[in-house]
N, C-alpha and C. Protein backbone atom coordinates (compact mmCIF):
# COMPACT_ATOMS: atom_id res chain seq x y z
N UNK A 1 -82.06 146.55 188.14
CA UNK A 1 -81.13 145.61 187.54
C UNK A 1 -81.86 144.57 186.72
N UNK A 2 -82.96 144.07 187.24
CA UNK A 2 -83.71 143.02 186.56
C UNK A 2 -84.01 143.42 185.12
N UNK A 3 -84.49 144.65 184.92
CA UNK A 3 -84.89 145.07 183.60
C UNK A 3 -83.70 145.29 182.68
N UNK A 4 -82.64 145.87 183.20
CA UNK A 4 -81.46 146.11 182.40
C UNK A 4 -80.84 144.79 181.95
N UNK A 5 -80.69 143.86 182.86
CA UNK A 5 -80.07 142.59 182.52
C UNK A 5 -80.95 141.81 181.54
N UNK A 6 -82.25 141.81 181.74
CA UNK A 6 -83.15 141.13 180.82
C UNK A 6 -83.03 141.74 179.43
N UNK A 7 -83.01 143.07 179.38
CA UNK A 7 -82.84 143.75 178.10
C UNK A 7 -81.53 143.33 177.44
N UNK A 8 -80.46 143.30 178.22
CA UNK A 8 -79.17 142.93 177.67
C UNK A 8 -79.17 141.50 177.14
N UNK A 9 -79.81 140.61 177.87
CA UNK A 9 -79.87 139.22 177.43
C UNK A 9 -80.56 139.10 176.08
N UNK A 10 -81.65 139.80 175.94
CA UNK A 10 -82.42 139.71 174.71
C UNK A 10 -81.76 140.50 173.58
N UNK A 11 -81.31 141.71 173.89
CA UNK A 11 -80.78 142.59 172.86
C UNK A 11 -79.41 142.15 172.35
N UNK A 12 -78.58 141.61 173.22
CA UNK A 12 -77.22 141.31 172.81
C UNK A 12 -77.10 140.02 172.00
N UNK A 13 -78.02 139.09 172.22
CA UNK A 13 -77.89 137.80 171.55
C UNK A 13 -76.67 137.05 172.03
N UNK A 14 -76.17 137.40 173.21
CA UNK A 14 -74.94 136.80 173.72
C UNK A 14 -75.09 135.32 174.02
N UNK A 15 -76.30 134.88 174.27
CA UNK A 15 -76.54 133.48 174.61
C UNK A 15 -77.47 132.85 173.59
N UNK A 16 -77.02 131.80 172.92
CA UNK A 16 -77.88 131.17 171.93
C UNK A 16 -79.24 130.78 172.50
N UNK A 17 -79.27 130.27 173.72
CA UNK A 17 -80.54 129.84 174.29
C UNK A 17 -81.45 131.04 174.55
N UNK A 18 -80.87 132.23 174.71
CA UNK A 18 -81.65 133.42 175.00
C UNK A 18 -81.69 134.40 173.84
N UNK A 19 -81.15 134.03 172.70
CA UNK A 19 -81.20 134.93 171.55
C UNK A 19 -82.66 135.18 171.22
N UNK A 20 -83.00 136.43 171.07
CA UNK A 20 -84.40 136.76 170.91
C UNK A 20 -85.08 136.54 172.24
N UNK A 21 -86.32 136.21 172.20
CA UNK A 21 -87.05 135.97 173.44
C UNK A 21 -87.03 134.47 173.73
N UNK A 22 -86.55 134.08 174.92
CA UNK A 22 -86.51 132.65 175.24
C UNK A 22 -87.92 132.09 175.34
N UNK A 23 -88.04 130.84 175.01
CA UNK A 23 -89.34 130.20 175.17
C UNK A 23 -89.66 130.13 176.66
N UNK A 24 -90.90 129.94 176.96
CA UNK A 24 -91.30 129.84 178.36
C UNK A 24 -90.62 128.64 179.02
N UNK A 25 -90.49 127.55 178.29
CA UNK A 25 -89.85 126.35 178.84
C UNK A 25 -88.37 126.61 179.12
N UNK A 26 -87.68 127.29 178.18
CA UNK A 26 -86.27 127.60 178.39
C UNK A 26 -86.09 128.51 179.60
N UNK A 27 -86.95 129.50 179.70
CA UNK A 27 -86.87 130.44 180.81
C UNK A 27 -87.09 129.72 182.14
N UNK A 28 -88.09 128.85 182.20
CA UNK A 28 -88.37 128.11 183.43
C UNK A 28 -87.20 127.20 183.80
N UNK A 29 -86.60 126.59 182.80
CA UNK A 29 -85.45 125.72 183.05
C UNK A 29 -84.28 126.52 183.63
N UNK A 30 -84.01 127.69 183.05
CA UNK A 30 -82.94 128.54 183.55
C UNK A 30 -83.24 129.02 184.97
N UNK A 31 -84.48 129.42 185.22
CA UNK A 31 -84.85 129.89 186.55
C UNK A 31 -84.73 128.77 187.59
N UNK A 32 -85.15 127.57 187.22
CA UNK A 32 -85.05 126.44 188.15
C UNK A 32 -83.59 126.14 188.47
N UNK A 33 -82.75 126.15 187.46
CA UNK A 33 -81.34 125.88 187.67
C UNK A 33 -80.74 126.98 188.54
N UNK A 34 -81.04 128.25 188.24
CA UNK A 34 -80.50 129.37 189.01
C UNK A 34 -80.96 129.30 190.46
N UNK A 35 -82.21 128.93 190.69
CA UNK A 35 -82.73 128.85 192.06
C UNK A 35 -82.15 127.67 192.83
N UNK A 36 -81.68 126.67 192.11
CA UNK A 36 -81.13 125.50 192.79
C UNK A 36 -79.72 125.75 193.34
N UNK A 37 -79.09 126.84 192.90
CA UNK A 37 -77.73 127.14 193.32
C UNK A 37 -77.73 127.93 194.63
N UNK A 38 -76.91 127.50 195.58
CA UNK A 38 -76.75 128.29 196.80
C UNK A 38 -75.70 129.36 196.55
N UNK A 39 -75.54 130.24 197.50
CA UNK A 39 -74.62 131.38 197.38
C UNK A 39 -73.19 130.92 197.08
N UNK A 40 -72.76 129.87 197.73
CA UNK A 40 -71.40 129.36 197.52
C UNK A 40 -71.23 128.80 196.11
N UNK A 41 -72.25 128.13 195.61
CA UNK A 41 -72.19 127.56 194.25
C UNK A 41 -72.16 128.66 193.20
N UNK A 42 -72.93 129.71 193.42
CA UNK A 42 -72.92 130.84 192.49
C UNK A 42 -71.53 131.48 192.49
N UNK A 43 -70.98 131.70 193.67
CA UNK A 43 -69.65 132.29 193.78
C UNK A 43 -68.61 131.42 193.05
N UNK A 44 -68.69 130.12 193.25
CA UNK A 44 -67.75 129.20 192.59
C UNK A 44 -67.92 129.26 191.06
N UNK A 45 -69.16 129.34 190.59
CA UNK A 45 -69.43 129.42 189.15
C UNK A 45 -68.87 130.72 188.57
N UNK A 46 -68.99 131.81 189.31
CA UNK A 46 -68.45 133.09 188.86
C UNK A 46 -66.92 132.99 188.75
N UNK A 47 -66.28 132.40 189.75
CA UNK A 47 -64.82 132.25 189.72
C UNK A 47 -64.38 131.30 188.60
N UNK A 48 -65.14 130.23 188.39
CA UNK A 48 -64.82 129.30 187.30
C UNK A 48 -64.93 130.00 185.95
N UNK A 49 -65.97 130.82 185.78
CA UNK A 49 -66.14 131.56 184.54
C UNK A 49 -64.98 132.53 184.35
N UNK A 50 -64.55 133.15 185.42
CA UNK A 50 -63.41 134.07 185.36
C UNK A 50 -62.14 133.34 184.91
N UNK A 51 -61.94 132.13 185.41
CA UNK A 51 -60.74 131.36 185.07
C UNK A 51 -60.73 130.86 183.64
N UNK A 52 -61.92 130.53 183.12
CA UNK A 52 -62.02 129.98 181.76
C UNK A 52 -63.27 130.53 181.08
N UNK A 53 -63.24 131.82 180.72
CA UNK A 53 -64.44 132.45 180.18
C UNK A 53 -64.88 131.94 178.81
N UNK A 54 -64.04 131.18 178.14
CA UNK A 54 -64.40 130.66 176.83
C UNK A 54 -64.65 129.16 176.83
N UNK A 55 -64.54 128.53 177.97
CA UNK A 55 -64.72 127.08 178.06
C UNK A 55 -66.17 126.68 177.88
N UNK A 56 -66.37 125.41 177.60
CA UNK A 56 -67.74 124.92 177.39
C UNK A 56 -68.58 125.04 178.66
N UNK A 57 -67.96 124.86 179.83
CA UNK A 57 -68.71 125.03 181.07
C UNK A 57 -69.16 126.48 181.25
N UNK A 58 -68.29 127.42 180.87
CA UNK A 58 -68.64 128.84 180.98
C UNK A 58 -69.83 129.17 180.08
N UNK A 59 -69.83 128.63 178.90
CA UNK A 59 -70.94 128.89 177.97
C UNK A 59 -72.26 128.33 178.49
N UNK A 60 -72.18 127.23 179.23
CA UNK A 60 -73.39 126.63 179.79
C UNK A 60 -73.91 127.40 181.00
N UNK A 61 -73.00 127.88 181.83
CA UNK A 61 -73.43 128.53 183.07
C UNK A 61 -73.78 130.00 182.87
N UNK A 62 -73.29 130.62 181.80
CA UNK A 62 -73.55 132.05 181.59
C UNK A 62 -75.04 132.40 181.64
N UNK A 63 -75.90 131.70 180.92
CA UNK A 63 -77.33 132.05 181.00
C UNK A 63 -77.91 131.87 182.40
N UNK A 64 -77.44 130.87 183.11
CA UNK A 64 -77.94 130.61 184.46
C UNK A 64 -77.51 131.74 185.40
N UNK A 65 -76.26 132.14 185.31
CA UNK A 65 -75.78 133.24 186.14
C UNK A 65 -76.52 134.54 185.79
N UNK A 66 -76.76 134.76 184.52
CA UNK A 66 -77.49 135.97 184.12
C UNK A 66 -78.88 135.98 184.75
N UNK A 67 -79.56 134.87 184.74
CA UNK A 67 -80.88 134.79 185.36
C UNK A 67 -80.76 134.95 186.87
N UNK A 68 -79.77 134.32 187.47
CA UNK A 68 -79.57 134.44 188.91
C UNK A 68 -79.39 135.91 189.32
N UNK A 69 -78.54 136.63 188.61
CA UNK A 69 -78.20 137.99 189.02
C UNK A 69 -79.29 139.01 188.68
N UNK A 70 -80.33 138.61 187.97
CA UNK A 70 -81.46 139.52 187.72
C UNK A 70 -82.09 139.98 189.03
N UNK A 71 -82.08 139.13 190.03
CA UNK A 71 -82.74 139.48 191.29
C UNK A 71 -81.83 140.24 192.26
N UNK A 72 -80.58 140.44 191.88
CA UNK A 72 -79.63 141.16 192.72
C UNK A 72 -79.69 142.64 192.35
N UNK A 73 -79.76 143.50 193.36
CA UNK A 73 -79.94 144.93 193.15
C UNK A 73 -78.59 145.62 192.96
N UNK A 74 -78.21 145.81 191.71
CA UNK A 74 -77.00 146.55 191.37
C UNK A 74 -77.11 147.05 189.94
N UNK A 75 -76.23 147.94 189.58
CA UNK A 75 -76.26 148.56 188.25
C UNK A 75 -75.12 148.02 187.40
N UNK A 76 -75.43 147.68 186.17
CA UNK A 76 -74.41 147.34 185.19
C UNK A 76 -74.25 148.59 184.33
N UNK A 77 -73.09 149.17 184.35
CA UNK A 77 -72.85 150.45 183.69
C UNK A 77 -72.33 150.24 182.27
N UNK A 78 -73.20 150.41 181.31
CA UNK A 78 -72.79 150.25 179.92
C UNK A 78 -71.83 151.35 179.48
N UNK A 79 -71.83 152.50 180.17
CA UNK A 79 -70.85 153.53 179.87
C UNK A 79 -69.43 153.02 180.13
N UNK A 80 -69.30 152.07 181.03
CA UNK A 80 -67.98 151.52 181.36
C UNK A 80 -67.61 150.37 180.42
N UNK A 81 -68.56 149.52 180.07
CA UNK A 81 -68.20 148.27 179.39
C UNK A 81 -69.00 147.96 178.12
N UNK A 82 -69.87 148.86 177.73
CA UNK A 82 -70.70 148.61 176.55
C UNK A 82 -69.91 148.37 175.28
N UNK A 83 -68.72 148.96 175.20
CA UNK A 83 -67.91 148.76 174.00
C UNK A 83 -67.50 147.30 173.80
N UNK A 84 -67.56 146.51 174.84
CA UNK A 84 -67.23 145.09 174.71
C UNK A 84 -68.26 144.36 173.83
N UNK A 85 -69.48 144.82 173.87
CA UNK A 85 -70.52 144.21 173.03
C UNK A 85 -70.45 144.73 171.60
N UNK A 86 -69.93 145.95 171.43
CA UNK A 86 -69.84 146.54 170.10
C UNK A 86 -68.90 145.77 169.19
N UNK A 87 -67.96 145.02 169.76
CA UNK A 87 -66.98 144.32 168.93
C UNK A 87 -67.58 143.09 168.25
N UNK A 88 -68.70 142.62 168.74
CA UNK A 88 -69.36 141.41 168.22
C UNK A 88 -68.42 140.20 168.26
N UNK A 89 -67.51 140.23 169.21
CA UNK A 89 -66.53 139.18 169.38
C UNK A 89 -66.92 138.33 170.58
N UNK A 90 -67.01 137.03 170.39
CA UNK A 90 -67.43 136.11 171.45
C UNK A 90 -66.53 136.23 172.69
N UNK A 91 -65.25 136.40 172.48
CA UNK A 91 -64.32 136.51 173.61
C UNK A 91 -64.57 137.80 174.40
N UNK A 92 -64.84 138.88 173.71
CA UNK A 92 -65.09 140.14 174.40
C UNK A 92 -66.45 140.12 175.10
N UNK A 93 -67.42 139.44 174.52
CA UNK A 93 -68.72 139.27 175.18
C UNK A 93 -68.55 138.49 176.48
N UNK A 94 -67.67 137.48 176.46
CA UNK A 94 -67.42 136.70 177.68
C UNK A 94 -66.85 137.59 178.78
N UNK A 95 -65.97 138.52 178.42
CA UNK A 95 -65.42 139.45 179.40
C UNK A 95 -66.52 140.39 179.90
N UNK A 96 -67.37 140.87 179.00
CA UNK A 96 -68.51 141.69 179.39
C UNK A 96 -69.32 140.99 180.46
N UNK A 97 -69.69 139.73 180.21
CA UNK A 97 -70.51 139.00 181.17
C UNK A 97 -69.77 138.76 182.47
N UNK A 98 -68.45 138.61 182.41
CA UNK A 98 -67.70 138.44 183.66
C UNK A 98 -67.76 139.70 184.50
N UNK A 99 -67.74 140.87 183.87
CA UNK A 99 -67.89 142.12 184.62
C UNK A 99 -69.25 142.14 185.30
N UNK A 100 -70.28 141.75 184.55
CA UNK A 100 -71.65 141.69 185.11
C UNK A 100 -71.68 140.74 186.30
N UNK A 101 -71.14 139.53 186.12
CA UNK A 101 -71.18 138.53 187.17
C UNK A 101 -70.29 138.92 188.34
N UNK A 102 -69.11 139.47 188.06
CA UNK A 102 -68.20 139.87 189.13
C UNK A 102 -68.80 140.96 190.02
N UNK A 103 -69.52 141.89 189.40
CA UNK A 103 -70.18 142.94 190.19
C UNK A 103 -71.27 142.34 191.07
N UNK A 104 -72.12 141.51 190.47
CA UNK A 104 -73.20 140.89 191.24
C UNK A 104 -72.69 139.99 192.34
N UNK A 105 -71.62 139.26 192.05
CA UNK A 105 -71.04 138.38 193.05
C UNK A 105 -70.49 139.20 194.22
N UNK A 106 -69.87 140.33 193.92
CA UNK A 106 -69.36 141.19 194.99
C UNK A 106 -70.50 141.64 195.89
N UNK A 107 -71.62 142.05 195.30
CA UNK A 107 -72.77 142.49 196.08
C UNK A 107 -73.27 141.36 196.98
N UNK A 108 -73.32 140.15 196.43
CA UNK A 108 -73.79 139.02 197.24
C UNK A 108 -72.79 138.62 198.32
N UNK A 109 -71.52 138.69 198.02
CA UNK A 109 -70.49 138.29 198.97
C UNK A 109 -70.24 139.35 200.05
N UNK A 110 -70.58 140.59 199.74
CA UNK A 110 -70.33 141.72 200.66
C UNK A 110 -71.61 142.53 200.83
N UNK A 111 -72.63 141.95 201.44
CA UNK A 111 -73.92 142.66 201.55
C UNK A 111 -73.80 144.01 202.27
N UNK A 112 -72.81 144.16 203.14
CA UNK A 112 -72.62 145.43 203.84
C UNK A 112 -72.18 146.54 202.88
N UNK A 113 -71.71 146.16 201.69
CA UNK A 113 -71.27 147.13 200.68
C UNK A 113 -72.19 147.12 199.45
N UNK A 114 -73.35 146.54 199.57
CA UNK A 114 -74.25 146.36 198.44
C UNK A 114 -74.67 147.67 197.77
N UNK A 115 -74.65 148.75 198.50
CA UNK A 115 -75.04 150.05 197.93
C UNK A 115 -73.83 150.89 197.50
N UNK A 116 -72.64 150.35 197.66
CA UNK A 116 -71.42 151.06 197.30
C UNK A 116 -71.09 150.78 195.82
N UNK A 117 -71.67 151.60 194.95
CA UNK A 117 -71.51 151.38 193.50
C UNK A 117 -70.04 151.38 193.09
N UNK A 118 -69.28 152.28 193.64
CA UNK A 118 -67.86 152.35 193.31
C UNK A 118 -67.17 151.02 193.60
N UNK A 119 -67.47 150.44 194.76
CA UNK A 119 -66.83 149.18 195.16
C UNK A 119 -67.23 148.03 194.25
N UNK A 120 -68.54 147.87 194.00
CA UNK A 120 -68.93 146.71 193.20
C UNK A 120 -68.63 146.88 191.72
N UNK A 121 -68.64 148.13 191.23
CA UNK A 121 -68.27 148.33 189.83
C UNK A 121 -66.78 148.06 189.62
N UNK A 122 -65.96 148.51 190.57
CA UNK A 122 -64.53 148.23 190.46
C UNK A 122 -64.27 146.74 190.58
N UNK A 123 -64.95 146.07 191.51
CA UNK A 123 -64.78 144.62 191.65
C UNK A 123 -65.17 143.90 190.36
N UNK A 124 -66.24 144.33 189.74
CA UNK A 124 -66.66 143.72 188.48
C UNK A 124 -65.64 143.92 187.38
N UNK A 125 -65.11 145.16 187.27
CA UNK A 125 -64.08 145.42 186.26
C UNK A 125 -62.84 144.58 186.52
N UNK A 126 -62.43 144.50 187.77
CA UNK A 126 -61.24 143.70 188.09
C UNK A 126 -61.46 142.23 187.73
N UNK A 127 -62.66 141.73 188.01
CA UNK A 127 -62.97 140.34 187.66
C UNK A 127 -62.94 140.16 186.14
N UNK A 128 -63.51 141.12 185.43
CA UNK A 128 -63.49 141.06 183.97
C UNK A 128 -62.08 141.10 183.41
N UNK A 129 -61.22 141.90 184.02
CA UNK A 129 -59.83 141.98 183.56
C UNK A 129 -59.08 140.68 183.83
N UNK A 130 -59.36 140.05 184.95
CA UNK A 130 -58.74 138.73 185.20
C UNK A 130 -59.22 137.72 184.16
N UNK A 131 -60.49 137.77 183.83
CA UNK A 131 -61.02 136.87 182.79
C UNK A 131 -60.34 137.17 181.45
N UNK A 132 -60.16 138.43 181.15
CA UNK A 132 -59.49 138.84 179.90
C UNK A 132 -58.07 138.29 179.85
N UNK A 133 -57.34 138.44 180.95
CA UNK A 133 -55.97 137.91 180.98
C UNK A 133 -55.97 136.40 180.79
N UNK A 134 -56.90 135.70 181.44
CA UNK A 134 -56.99 134.25 181.27
C UNK A 134 -57.36 133.89 179.83
N UNK A 135 -58.24 134.64 179.24
CA UNK A 135 -58.67 134.39 177.88
C UNK A 135 -57.51 134.59 176.90
N UNK A 136 -56.69 135.60 177.15
CA UNK A 136 -55.57 135.89 176.23
C UNK A 136 -54.56 134.75 176.17
N UNK A 137 -54.46 133.98 177.23
CA UNK A 137 -53.56 132.82 177.20
C UNK A 137 -53.98 131.83 176.12
N UNK A 138 -55.28 131.74 175.92
CA UNK A 138 -55.84 130.82 174.93
C UNK A 138 -55.99 131.48 173.56
N UNK A 139 -56.33 132.76 173.57
CA UNK A 139 -56.57 133.49 172.32
C UNK A 139 -55.83 134.83 172.34
N UNK A 140 -54.53 134.80 172.14
CA UNK A 140 -53.75 136.04 172.21
C UNK A 140 -54.17 137.08 171.16
N UNK A 141 -54.79 136.65 170.09
CA UNK A 141 -55.21 137.59 169.05
C UNK A 141 -56.52 138.29 169.40
N UNK A 142 -57.11 137.96 170.54
CA UNK A 142 -58.38 138.57 170.94
C UNK A 142 -58.16 139.85 171.74
N UNK A 143 -56.98 140.42 171.61
CA UNK A 143 -56.68 141.66 172.33
C UNK A 143 -57.64 142.76 171.91
N UNK A 144 -57.91 143.64 172.86
CA UNK A 144 -58.76 144.79 172.61
C UNK A 144 -58.11 145.98 173.30
N UNK A 145 -57.87 147.05 172.56
CA UNK A 145 -57.16 148.22 173.11
C UNK A 145 -57.86 148.75 174.36
N UNK A 146 -59.18 148.78 174.36
CA UNK A 146 -59.93 149.26 175.51
C UNK A 146 -59.56 148.48 176.78
N UNK A 147 -59.53 147.15 176.67
CA UNK A 147 -59.19 146.31 177.82
C UNK A 147 -57.72 146.42 178.18
N UNK A 148 -56.87 146.52 177.17
CA UNK A 148 -55.44 146.70 177.45
C UNK A 148 -55.21 148.00 178.22
N UNK A 149 -55.94 149.06 177.86
CA UNK A 149 -55.82 150.33 178.59
C UNK A 149 -56.28 150.18 180.04
N UNK A 150 -57.35 149.41 180.25
CA UNK A 150 -57.81 149.17 181.62
C UNK A 150 -56.78 148.36 182.40
N UNK A 151 -56.10 147.43 181.75
CA UNK A 151 -55.03 146.68 182.43
C UNK A 151 -53.92 147.61 182.88
N UNK A 152 -53.57 148.56 182.04
CA UNK A 152 -52.53 149.53 182.40
C UNK A 152 -53.01 150.37 183.59
N UNK A 153 -54.26 150.83 183.51
CA UNK A 153 -54.80 151.63 184.62
C UNK A 153 -54.79 150.83 185.92
N UNK A 154 -55.15 149.54 185.84
CA UNK A 154 -55.14 148.71 187.03
C UNK A 154 -53.73 148.56 187.59
N UNK A 155 -52.76 148.33 186.70
CA UNK A 155 -51.38 148.14 187.17
C UNK A 155 -50.82 149.41 187.80
N UNK A 156 -51.35 150.55 187.40
CA UNK A 156 -50.92 151.84 187.96
C UNK A 156 -51.79 152.28 189.13
N UNK A 157 -52.74 151.42 189.53
CA UNK A 157 -53.62 151.75 190.65
C UNK A 157 -54.65 152.81 190.31
N UNK A 158 -54.98 152.95 189.03
CA UNK A 158 -55.91 153.99 188.60
C UNK A 158 -57.25 153.46 188.10
N UNK A 159 -57.53 152.19 188.29
CA UNK A 159 -58.80 151.64 187.82
C UNK A 159 -59.98 152.32 188.51
N UNK A 160 -59.81 152.65 189.76
CA UNK A 160 -60.87 153.35 190.49
C UNK A 160 -61.16 154.71 189.84
N UNK A 161 -60.15 155.33 189.26
CA UNK A 161 -60.37 156.61 188.56
C UNK A 161 -61.29 156.42 187.36
N UNK A 162 -61.09 155.33 186.64
CA UNK A 162 -61.96 155.03 185.50
C UNK A 162 -63.40 154.86 185.96
N UNK A 163 -63.60 154.15 187.06
CA UNK A 163 -64.94 153.94 187.59
C UNK A 163 -65.55 155.28 188.00
N UNK A 164 -64.78 156.11 188.66
CA UNK A 164 -65.27 157.43 189.09
C UNK A 164 -65.64 158.32 187.90
N UNK A 165 -64.89 158.16 186.80
CA UNK A 165 -65.17 158.95 185.61
C UNK A 165 -66.41 158.48 184.88
N UNK A 166 -66.86 157.26 185.17
CA UNK A 166 -68.05 156.66 184.54
C UNK A 166 -68.96 156.15 185.65
N UNK A 167 -69.55 157.05 186.45
CA UNK A 167 -70.31 156.63 187.62
C UNK A 167 -71.63 155.95 187.31
N UNK A 168 -72.17 156.21 186.13
CA UNK A 168 -73.39 155.53 185.70
C UNK A 168 -74.51 155.66 186.73
N UNK A 169 -74.94 156.86 186.96
CA UNK A 169 -76.05 157.09 187.86
C UNK A 169 -77.29 156.39 187.34
N UNK A 170 -78.21 156.06 188.27
CA UNK A 170 -79.48 155.45 187.88
C UNK A 170 -80.15 156.37 186.88
N UNK A 171 -80.50 155.83 185.74
CA UNK A 171 -81.13 156.65 184.69
C UNK A 171 -82.51 156.13 184.40
């Protein structure tokens, strides 16, 4: 996970502070902030980001959460959510990161299920969809057919089928 998430941080340019390679000082500052957060604070930050993925607080905490979750052992499946980055839309990137954070948070909150990829991937997608719904209240024009289809699958109880169809084995 550490390598995939680091690659995503650098390659996506999703965070201005991490666009390109962060300076050593920026990286140390992010690591110090991430290490200062206890499990409950991280969980609260993930939920806050889910509630307001486009808010100024969300933009500030995103890099910290990304650094925090580098040390958590789980897979982020780009086969499931990579299209969110292809749109080059800030709102869709926020949903992408919520999926990443929601999955990692699930692993931390449910250590007994930490190896259950199906469970944490579905939890991450559900968290991302809640963030998407919250975001649409503020930006209704930020709709994305891919996410709308996932909302339909969720409402029909078929989101787990999507996860099963995109298992994203360790590669």
